[in-house]
C-alpha atoms as a PDB file:
ATOM      1  CA  MET A   1     -43.502 -17.470  25.801  1.00  0.00           C
ATOM      2  CA  TRP A   2     -40.500 -16.805  28.044  1.00  0.00           C
ATOM      3  CA  ILE A   3     -40.518 -13.047  27.377  1.00  0.00           C
ATOM      4  CA  VAL A   4     -44.023 -12.734  28.819  1.00  0.00           C
ATOM      5  CA  ASN A   5     -43.065 -14.764  31.876  1.00  0.00           C
ATOM      6  CA  SER A   6     -39.931 -12.643  32.377  1.00  0.00           C
ATOM      7  CA  VAL A   7     -41.767  -9.351  32.915  1.00  0.00           C
ATOM      8  CA  SER A   8     -43.986  -8.314  35.800  1.00  0.00           C
ATOM      9  CA  SER A   9     -47.712  -8.988  35.676  1.00  0.00           C
ATOM     10  CA  ASN A  10     -48.651  -5.344  35.161  1.00  0.00           C
ATOM     11  CA  ILE A  11     -46.474  -5.162  32.023  1.00  0.00           C
ATOM     12  CA  GLN A  12     -47.662  -8.429  30.452  1.00  0.00           C
ATOM     13  CA  PRO A  13     -50.899  -7.002  29.004  1.00  0.00           C
ATOM     14  CA  LEU A  14     -48.847  -4.469  26.998  1.00  0.00           C
ATOM     15  CA  ILE A  15     -47.028  -7.154  25.004  1.00  0.00           C
ATOM     16  CA  LEU A  16     -49.459 -10.093  24.980  1.00  0.00           C
ATOM     17  CA  ARG A  17     -51.100  -9.008  21.705  1.00  0.00           C
ATOM     18  CA  LYS A  18     -47.801  -8.953  19.822  1.00  0.00           C
ATOM     19  CA  LYS A  19     -47.375 -12.011  17.646  1.00  0.00           C
ATOM     20  CA  ILE A  20     -43.582 -12.197  17.472  1.00  0.00           C
ATOM     21  CA  ALA A  21     -40.821 -11.647  20.001  1.00  0.00           C
ATOM     22  CA  ARG A  22     -39.247  -8.827  17.984  1.00  0.00           C
ATOM     23  CA  ASP A  23     -42.365  -6.672  18.351  1.00  0.00           C
ATOM     24  CA  MET A  24     -42.382  -7.346  22.070  1.00  0.00           C
ATOM     25  CA  TRP A  25     -38.751  -6.234  22.355  1.00  0.00           C
ATOM     26  CA  ILE A  26     -39.516  -3.041  20.426  1.00  0.00           C
ATOM     27  CA  ILE A  27     -42.329  -2.128  22.835  1.00  0.00           C
ATOM     28  CA  LEU A  28     -40.122  -2.797  25.874  1.00  0.00           C
ATOM     29  CA  GLU A  29     -37.231  -0.823  24.422  1.00  0.00           C
ATOM     30  CA  GLN A  30     -39.451   2.142  23.657  1.00  0.00           C
ATOM     31  CA  MET A  31     -40.857   2.108  27.167  1.00  0.00           C
ATOM     32  CA  TYR A  32     -37.773   1.440  29.272  1.00  0.00           C
ATOM     33  CA  GLY A  33     -34.615   1.199  27.170  1.00  0.00           C
ATOM     34  CA  GLN A  34     -33.879   4.880  26.608  1.00  0.00           C
ATOM     35  CA  LYS A  35     -35.060   5.855  30.050  1.00  0.00           C
ATOM     36  CA  LYS A  36     -32.879   3.282  31.745  1.00  0.00           C
ATOM     37  CA  ARG A  37     -29.831   4.205  29.683  1.00  0.00           C
ATOM     38  CA  LYS A  38     -30.068   7.880  30.556  1.00  0.00           C
ATOM     39  CA  ALA A  39     -30.532   7.118  34.231  1.00  0.00           C
ATOM     40  CA  ARG A  40     -27.530   4.794  34.191  1.00  0.00           C
ATOM     41  CA  VAL A  41     -25.332   7.303  32.352  1.00  0.00           C
ATOM     42  CA  TYR A  42     -26.386  10.011  34.792  1.00  0.00           C
ATOM     43  CA  GLN A  43     -25.528   7.816  37.762  1.00  0.00           C
ATOM     44  CA  LEU A  44     -22.136   6.896  36.283  1.00  0.00           C
ATOM     45  CA  MET A  45     -21.244  10.532  35.611  1.00  0.00           C
ATOM     46  CA  LYS A  46     -22.290  11.440  39.153  1.00  0.00           C
ATOM     47  CA  ASP A  47     -20.157   8.681  40.645  1.00  0.00           C
ATOM     48  CA  LEU A  48     -17.155   9.610  38.514  1.00  0.00           C
ATOM     49  CA  CYS A  49     -17.284  13.263  39.575  1.00  0.00           C
ATOM     50  CA  ALA A  50     -17.560  12.325  43.252  1.00  0.00           C
ATOM     51  CA  LEU A  51     -14.883   9.595  43.234  1.00  0.00           C
ATOM     52  CA  ARG A  52     -11.709  10.439  45.190  1.00  0.00           C
ATOM     53  CA  GLN A  53      -8.642   8.416  46.100  1.00  0.00           C
ATOM     54  CA  GLY A  54      -8.961   8.725  49.874  1.00  0.00           C
ATOM     55  CA  ASP A  55      -7.507   5.619  51.526  1.00  0.00           C
ATOM     56  CA  LEU A  56      -7.213   3.758  48.208  1.00  0.00           C
ATOM     57  CA  SER A  57      -3.894   3.051  46.584  1.00  0.00           C
ATOM     58  CA  VAL A  58      -3.221   4.621  43.191  1.00  0.00           C
ATOM     59  CA  THR A  59      -3.815   1.258  41.548  1.00  0.00           C
ATOM     60  CA  ASP A  60      -7.170   0.707  43.248  1.00  0.00           C
ATOM     61  CA  PHE A  61      -8.282   4.270  42.525  1.00  0.00           C
ATOM     62  CA  TYR A  62      -7.390   3.975  38.855  1.00  0.00           C
ATOM     63  CA  ALA A  63      -9.129   0.576  38.631  1.00  0.00           C
ATOM     64  CA  ALA A  64     -12.324   2.070  40.102  1.00  0.00           C
ATOM     65  CA  LEU A  65     -12.278   4.901  37.548  1.00  0.00           C
ATOM     66  CA  LYS A  66     -11.510   2.596  34.652  1.00  0.00           C
ATOM     67  CA  SER A  67     -14.387   0.289  35.565  1.00  0.00           C
ATOM     68  CA  LYS A  68     -16.865   3.168  35.424  1.00  0.00           C
ATOM     69  CA  TRP A  69     -15.372   4.482  32.179  1.00  0.00           C
ATOM     70  CA  GLU A  70     -15.869   1.101  30.532  1.00  0.00           C
ATOM     71  CA  ASP A  71     -19.436   0.967  31.814  1.00  0.00           C
ATOM     72  CA  LEU A  72     -20.010   4.462  30.442  1.00  0.00           C
ATOM     73  CA  ASP A  73     -18.612   3.520  27.033  1.00  0.00           C
ATOM     74  CA  TYR A  74     -20.923   0.518  26.956  1.00  0.00           C
ATOM     75  CA  HIS A  75     -23.991   2.778  27.240  1.00  0.00           C
ATOM     76  CA  SER A  76     -22.747   5.144  24.538  1.00  0.00           C
ATOM     77  CA  ASP A  77     -24.729   4.760  21.323  1.00  0.00           C
ATOM     78  CA  ASP A  78     -23.356   7.679  19.307  1.00  0.00           C
ATOM     79  CA  ILE A  79     -23.221   7.162  15.560  1.00  0.00           C
ATOM     80  CA  TRP A  80     -20.512   9.075  13.757  1.00  0.00           C
ATOM     81  CA  SER A  81     -20.661   9.946  10.074  1.00  0.00           C
ATOM     82  CA  CYS A  82     -17.086  11.243  10.046  1.00  0.00           C
ATOM     83  CA  PRO A  83     -14.279   9.082  11.459  1.00  0.00           C
ATOM     84  CA  GLN A  84     -12.054  12.152  11.975  1.00  0.00           C
ATOM     85  CA  ASP A  85     -14.688  13.797  14.155  1.00  0.00           C
ATOM     86  CA  GLN A  86     -15.039  10.620  16.192  1.00  0.00           C
ATOM     87  CA  MET A  87     -11.267  10.429  16.698  1.00  0.00           C
ATOM     88  CA  HIS A  88     -11.111  14.060  17.755  1.00  0.00           C
ATOM     89  CA  TYR A  89     -13.986  13.548  20.179  1.00  0.00           C
ATOM     90  CA  MET A  90     -12.374  10.468  21.744  1.00  0.00           C
ATOM     91  CA  THR A  91      -9.077  12.349  22.120  1.00  0.00           C
ATOM     92  CA  LYS A  92     -10.795  15.134  24.049  1.00  0.00           C
ATOM     93  CA  GLU A  93     -12.801  12.581  26.049  1.00  0.00           C
ATOM     94  CA  TRP A  94      -9.673  10.783  27.237  1.00  0.00           C
ATOM     95  CA  GLU A  95      -8.035  14.115  28.009  1.00  0.00           C
ATOM     96  CA  ASN A  96     -10.963  14.909  30.286  1.00  0.00           C
ATOM     97  CA  ARG A  97     -10.554  11.520  31.923  1.00  0.00           C
ATOM     98  CA  ILE A  98      -6.904  12.299  32.629  1.00  0.00           C
ATOM     99  CA  PHE A  99      -8.016  15.508  34.344  1.00  0.00           C
ATOM    100  CA  LEU A 100     -10.568  13.539  36.339  1.00  0.00           C
ATOM    101  CA  PHE A 101      -7.926  11.034  37.447  1.00  0.00           C
ATOM    102  CA  LEU A 102      -5.474  13.767  38.494  1.00  0.00           C
ATOM    103  CA  ALA A 103      -8.151  15.764  40.281  1.00  0.00           C
ATOM    104  CA  GLY A 104      -9.140  12.766  42.395  1.00  0.00           C
ATOM    105  CA  LEU A 105      -5.628  12.084  43.690  1.00  0.00           C
ATOM    106  CA  ASN A 106      -4.630  12.972  47.242  1.00  0.00           C
ATOM    107  CA  ASP A 107      -2.693  16.176  47.921  1.00  0.00           C
ATOM    108  CA  GLU A 108       0.529  14.232  48.430  1.00  0.00           C
ATOM    109  CA  PHE A 109       0.727  13.855  44.641  1.00  0.00           C
ATOM    110  CA  GLU A 110       0.568  17.601  43.976  1.00  0.00           C
ATOM    111  CA  ASN A 111       4.129  17.741  42.606  1.00  0.00           C
ATOM    112  CA  ILE A 112       3.703  14.996  40.030  1.00  0.00           C
ATOM    113  CA  ARG A 113       0.268  16.368  39.145  1.00  0.00           C
ATOM    114  CA  SER A 114       1.732  19.809  38.464  1.00  0.00           C
ATOM    115  CA  GLN A 115       4.522  18.322  36.340  1.00  0.00           C
ATOM    116  CA  ILE A 116       2.033  16.480  34.133  1.00  0.00           C
ATOM    117  CA  LEU A 117      -0.290  19.450  33.730  1.00  0.00           C
ATOM    118  CA  ASN A 118       2.571  21.846  32.968  1.00  0.00           C
ATOM    119  CA  SER A 119       4.193  19.545  30.444  1.00  0.00           C
ATOM    120  CA  GLU A 120       3.850  20.361  26.743  1.00  0.00           C
ATOM    121  CA  GLU A 121       3.803  16.668  25.824  1.00  0.00           C
ATOM    122  CA  SER A 122       0.584  14.761  25.290  1.00  0.00           C
ATOM    123  CA  PHE A 123       0.197  11.793  27.622  1.00  0.00           C
ATOM    124  CA  SER A 124      -2.161   8.862  27.391  1.00  0.00           C
ATOM    125  CA  ILE A 125      -4.101   7.837  30.466  1.00  0.00           C
ATOM    126  CA  GLU A 126      -1.821   4.804  30.800  1.00  0.00           C
ATOM    127  CA  ASP A 127       1.284   7.024  30.804  1.00  0.00           C
ATOM    128  CA  VAL A 128      -0.192   9.293  33.452  1.00  0.00           C
ATOM    129  CA  TYR A 129      -1.140   6.359  35.649  1.00  0.00           C
ATOM    130  CA  SER A 130       2.354   4.872  35.285  1.00  0.00           C
ATOM    131  CA  CYS A 131       3.987   8.132  36.400  1.00  0.00           C
ATOM    132  CA  VAL A 132       1.737   8.551  39.414  1.00  0.00           C
ATOM    133  CA  GLU A 133       2.086   4.925  40.454  1.00  0.00           C
ATOM    134  CA  ALA A 134       5.889   5.205  40.235  1.00  0.00           C
ATOM    135  CA  GLU A 135       5.754   8.296  42.445  1.00  0.00           C
ATOM    136  CA  GLU A 136       3.660   6.363  44.974  1.00  0.00           C
ATOM    137  CA  GLN A 137       6.245   3.570  45.109  1.00  0.00           C
ATOM    138  CA  ARG A 138       9.030   6.119  45.535  1.00  0.00           C
ATOM    139  CA  ARG A 139       7.230   7.721  48.450  1.00  0.00           C
ATOM    140  CA  LEU A 140       6.660   4.322  50.077  1.00  0.00           C
ATOM    141  CA  VAL A 141      10.389   3.617  49.972  1.00  0.00           C
ATOM    142  CA  ILE A 142      11.310   7.063  51.323  1.00  0.00           C
ATOM    143  CA  ASN A 143       8.762   6.860  54.141  1.00  0.00           C
ATOM    144  CA  GLY A 144      10.164   3.496  55.123  1.00  0.00           C
ATOM    145  CA  ARG A 145       6.900   1.573  54.947  1.00  0.00           C
ATOM    146  CA  LYS A 146       8.547  -1.338  53.173  1.00  0.00           C
ATOM    147  CA  GLY A 147      11.269  -1.346  55.796  1.00  0.00           C
ATOM    148  CA  ASP A 148       8.627  -1.370  58.534  1.00  0.00           C
ATOM    149  CA  HIS A 149       7.005  -4.360  56.850  1.00  0.00           C
ATOM    150  CA  MET A 150      10.284  -6.273  56.867  1.00  0.00           C
ATOM    151  CA  SER A 151      10.897  -5.309  60.483  1.00  0.00           C
ATOM    152  CA  HIS A 152       7.477  -6.667  61.365  1.00  0.00           C
ATOM    153  CA  ASN A 153       8.364 -10.040  59.834  1.00  0.00           C
ATOM    154  CA  GLU A 154      11.653 -10.047  61.694  1.00  0.00           C
ATOM    155  CA  ARG A 155       9.842  -9.288  64.935  1.00  0.00           C
ATOM    156  CA  LEU A 156       7.529 -12.242  64.332  1.00  0.00           C
ATOM    157  CA  ALA A 157      10.556 -14.500  63.796  1.00  0.00           C
ATOM    158  CA  PHE A 158      12.181 -13.131  66.952  1.00  0.00           C
ATOM    159  CA  VAL A 159       9.063 -13.827  68.995  1.00  0.00           C
ATOM    160  CA  SER A 160       9.027 -17.382  67.645  1.00  0.00           C
ATOM    161  CA  ARG A 161      12.665 -17.941  68.615  1.00  0.00           C
ATOM    162  CA  ALA A 162      12.108 -16.388  72.021  1.00  0.00           C
ATOM    163  CA  SER A 163       9.179 -18.686  72.755  1.00  0.00           C
ATOM    164  CA  MET A 164      11.329 -21.718  71.885  1.00  0.00           C
ATOM    165  CA  GLY A 165      14.093 -20.493  74.184  1.00  0.00           C
ATOM    166  CA  THR A 166      11.638 -19.993  77.013  1.00  0.00           C
ATOM    167  CA  ALA A 167      10.379 -23.545  76.657  1.00  0.00           C
ATOM    168  CA  CYS A 168      13.942 -24.895  77.020  1.00  0.00           C
ATOM    169  CA  SER A 169      14.871 -22.697  79.960  1.00  0.00           C
ATOM    170  CA  SER A 170      11.686 -23.655  81.850  1.00  0.00           C
ATOM    171  CA  ARG A 171      12.982 -27.213  82.424  1.00  0.00           C
ATOM    172  CA  LYS A 172      13.804 -27.771  86.101  1.00  0.00           C
ATOM    173  CA  CYS A 173      15.844 -30.529  87.668  1.00  0.00           C
ATOM    174  CA  THR A 174      14.078 -32.291  90.560  1.00  0.00           C
ATOM    175  CA  ASN A 175      17.468 -33.262  92.070  1.00  0.00           C
ATOM    176  CA  CYS A 176      19.450 -29.996  92.272  1.00  0.00           C
ATOM    177  CA  LYS A 177      16.397 -27.713  91.807  1.00  0.00           C
ATOM    178  CA  ASN A 178      18.192 -25.758  89.045  1.00  0.00           C
ATOM    179  CA  LEU A 179      16.702 -24.629  85.743  1.00  0.00           C
ATOM    180  CA  GLY A 180      17.946 -25.566  82.278  1.00  0.00           C
ATOM    181  CA  HIS A 181      18.011 -29.361  82.543  1.00  0.00           C
ATOM    182  CA  THR A 182      16.128 -32.354  83.889  1.00  0.00           C
ATOM    183  CA  MET A 183      17.177 -35.016  86.401  1.00  0.00           C
ATOM    184  CA  GLU A 184      18.202 -37.398  83.582  1.00  0.00           C
ATOM    185  CA  PHE A 185      20.923 -34.933  82.575  1.00  0.00           C
ATOM    186  CA  CYS A 186      21.925 -33.657  86.002  1.00  0.00           C
ATOM    187  CA  TRP A 187      25.735 -33.634  86.391  1.00  0.00           C
ATOM    188  CA  ASP A 188      25.437 -34.193  90.140  1.00  0.00           C
ATOM    189  CA  LEU A 189      23.867 -37.600  89.449  1.00  0.00           C
ATOM    190  CA  HIS A 190      25.662 -38.352  86.164  1.00  0.00           C
ATOM    191  CA  SER A 191      29.215 -37.094  86.596  1.00  0.00           C
ATOM    192  CA  GLU A 192      30.358 -39.078  83.549  1.00  0.00           C
ATOM    193  CA  LYS A 193      28.465 -36.633  81.323  1.00  0.00           C
ATOM    194  CA  LYS A 194      31.032 -33.952  82.139  1.00  0.00           C
ATOM    195  CA  ASN A 195      33.656 -35.868  80.131  1.00  0.00           C
ATOM    196  CA  SER A 196      31.434 -36.849  77.211  1.00  0.00           C
ATOM    197  CA  LYS A 197      33.032 -34.253  74.852  1.00  0.00           C
ATOM    198  CA  GLY A 198      29.859 -32.226  74.625  1.00  0.00           C
ATOM    199  CA  ARG A 199      27.625 -35.169  73.671  1.00  0.00           C
ATOM    200  CA  SER A 200      24.686 -36.660  75.542  1.00  0.00           C
ATOM    201  CA  SER A 201      24.241 -40.368  76.172  1.00  0.00           C
ATOM    202  CA  GLY A 202      22.207 -40.575  72.980  1.00  0.00           C
ATOM    203  CA  GLY A 203      25.180 -39.413  70.873  1.00  0.00           C
ATOM    204  CA  LYS A 204      23.554 -36.135  69.868  1.00  0.00           C
ATOM    205  CA  LYS A 205      25.135 -32.740  70.344  1.00  0.00           C
ATOM    206  CA  PRO A 206      23.581 -30.682  73.111  1.00  0.00           C
ATOM    207  CA  VAL A 207      21.664 -27.601  72.140  1.00  0.00           C
ATOM    208  CA  LEU A 208      23.500 -24.423  73.062  1.00  0.00           C
ATOM    209  CA  ASN A 209      21.112 -21.840  74.394  1.00  0.00           C
ATOM    210  CA  ALA A 210      23.660 -19.484  75.913  1.00  0.00           C
ATOM    211  CA  MET A 211      23.765 -17.183  72.892  1.00  0.00           C
ATOM    212  CA  ASN A 212      21.171 -16.193  70.334  1.00  0.00           C
ATOM    213  CA  PRO A 213      23.089 -15.681  67.010  1.00  0.00           C
ATOM    214  CA  SER A 214      20.398 -13.421  65.659  1.00  0.00           C
ATOM    215  CA  ASP A 215      20.967 -10.611  68.159  1.00  0.00           C
ATOM    216  CA  GLY A 216      24.325 -11.450  69.797  1.00  0.00           C
ATOM    217  CA  LYS A 217      22.977 -11.260  73.352  1.00  0.00           C
ATOM    218  CA  VAL A 218      24.057 -13.839  75.959  1.00  0.00           C
ATOM    219  CA  PHE A 219      21.523 -15.544  78.157  1.00  0.00           C
ATOM    220  CA  ILE A 220      23.158 -17.632  80.957  1.00  0.00           C
ATOM    221  CA  SER A 221      21.360 -19.223  83.846  1.00  0.00           C
ATOM    222  CA  VAL A 222      22.541 -18.884  87.459  1.00  0.00           C
ATOM    223  CA  GLU A 223      23.632 -22.517  87.551  1.00  0.00           C
ATOM    224  CA  GLN A 224      25.728 -22.091  84.412  1.00  0.00           C
ATOM    225  CA  ILE A 225      27.471 -19.088  85.966  1.00  0.00           C
ATOM    226  CA  ARG A 226      28.315 -21.094  89.107  1.00  0.00           C
ATOM    227  CA  GLU A 227      29.709 -23.985  87.060  1.00  0.00           C
ATOM    228  CA  LEU A 228      31.720 -21.681  84.827  1.00  0.00           C
ATOM    229  CA  ARG A 229      33.164 -19.780  87.809  1.00  0.00           C
ATOM    230  CA  ALA A 230      34.108 -23.020  89.573  1.00  0.00           C
ATOM    231  CA  TYR A 231      35.828 -24.414  86.514  1.00  0.00           C
ATOM    232  CA  LEU A 232      37.729 -21.207  85.659  1.00  0.00           C
ATOM    233  CA  SER A 233      39.149 -21.135  89.185  1.00  0.00           C
ATOM    234  CA  GLN A 234      40.751 -24.558  88.585  1.00  0.00           C
ATOM    235  CA  ILE A 235      42.618 -23.844  85.322  1.00  0.00           C
ATOM    236  CA  ASP A 236      45.675 -21.778  84.511  1.00  0.00           C
ATOM    237  CA  VAL A 237      44.878 -19.269  81.799  1.00  0.00           C
ATOM    238  CA  GLY A 238      48.414 -19.379  80.438  1.00  0.00           C
ATOM    239  CA  GLN A 239      48.244 -23.167  80.003  1.00  0.00           C
ATOM    240  CA  ALA A 240      44.702 -23.426  78.616  1.00  0.00           C
ATOM    241  CA  ASP A 241      44.406 -25.612  75.528  1.00  0.00           C
ATOM    242  CA  MET A 242      41.650 -26.684  73.132  1.00  0.00           C
ATOM    243  CA  SER A 243      40.337 -29.266  75.601  1.00  0.00           C
ATOM    244  CA  ASP A 244      39.814 -26.444  78.123  1.00  0.00           C
ATOM    245  CA  GLU A 245      37.836 -24.524  75.526  1.00  0.00           C
ATOM    246  CA  VAL A 246      35.637 -27.561  74.987  1.00  0.00           C
ATOM    247  CA  LYS A 247      35.020 -27.825  78.715  1.00  0.00           C
ATOM    248  CA  VAL A 248      34.104 -24.136  78.916  1.00  0.00           C
ATOM    249  CA  ASN A 249      31.601 -24.663  76.150  1.00  0.00           C
ATOM    250  CA  GLN A 250      30.215 -27.629  78.071  1.00  0.00           C
ATOM    251  CA  ALA A 251      29.764 -25.406  81.077  1.00  0.00           C
ATOM    252  CA  LEU A 252      27.719 -22.990  78.965  1.00  0.00           C
ATOM    253  CA  ALA A 253      25.642 -25.730  77.340  1.00  0.00           C
ATOM    254  CA  VAL A 254      22.062 -26.356  78.336  1.00  0.00           C
ATOM    255  CA  SER A 255      21.699 -30.090  78.741  1.00  0.00           C
END
């Protein structure tokens, strides 16, 4: 029989002489059931009294308490003859659990804890948890933790953009020895590219790396400064037109 095979060898002789499984279960329950239940209830009560929020969030702390409360209710075998007495007992039991939840919170929730305890209204455990959790969210916003989280994401995006810009600026022309372009796009070798209206030989617009729109800072290479200075010295500011603006942009472009 599977019950006999499920217990240790030193217990098997105690139930082998029973003819039916029910009698075997009765023997095992009398020997271990009550003892195990009391030990489990004792351990649960001990854990509940020692449980504190610490580094846990309010949600995690409440979930840990609720899990042990449900386990404790499972091991409760009280039989009530009067429903009113049972209801009164459960009301007091949940009131004690509210006190246990409030007592385990960190000191930063002292204000909301005092408000709940000094209130004349009767709160359920769910209402108390909702108030404390709302206070936690309010404190997170005030302390700027959510803002810090967003700033962290923005910093990651900035690092990604910076790495892409570094890859472009690391290109070096083997002809003029300047950074920012390769020999295929060197204006000294391909003077016709200066009059291509800002387009490369492939018909695609060049990528402008002179300004990062996210932070408004200008990054211009030494060669770009030379080209811009040389071109500005050749034009009359009072007679500059749209074509001149296009040429200035070409001078700033990274081929």
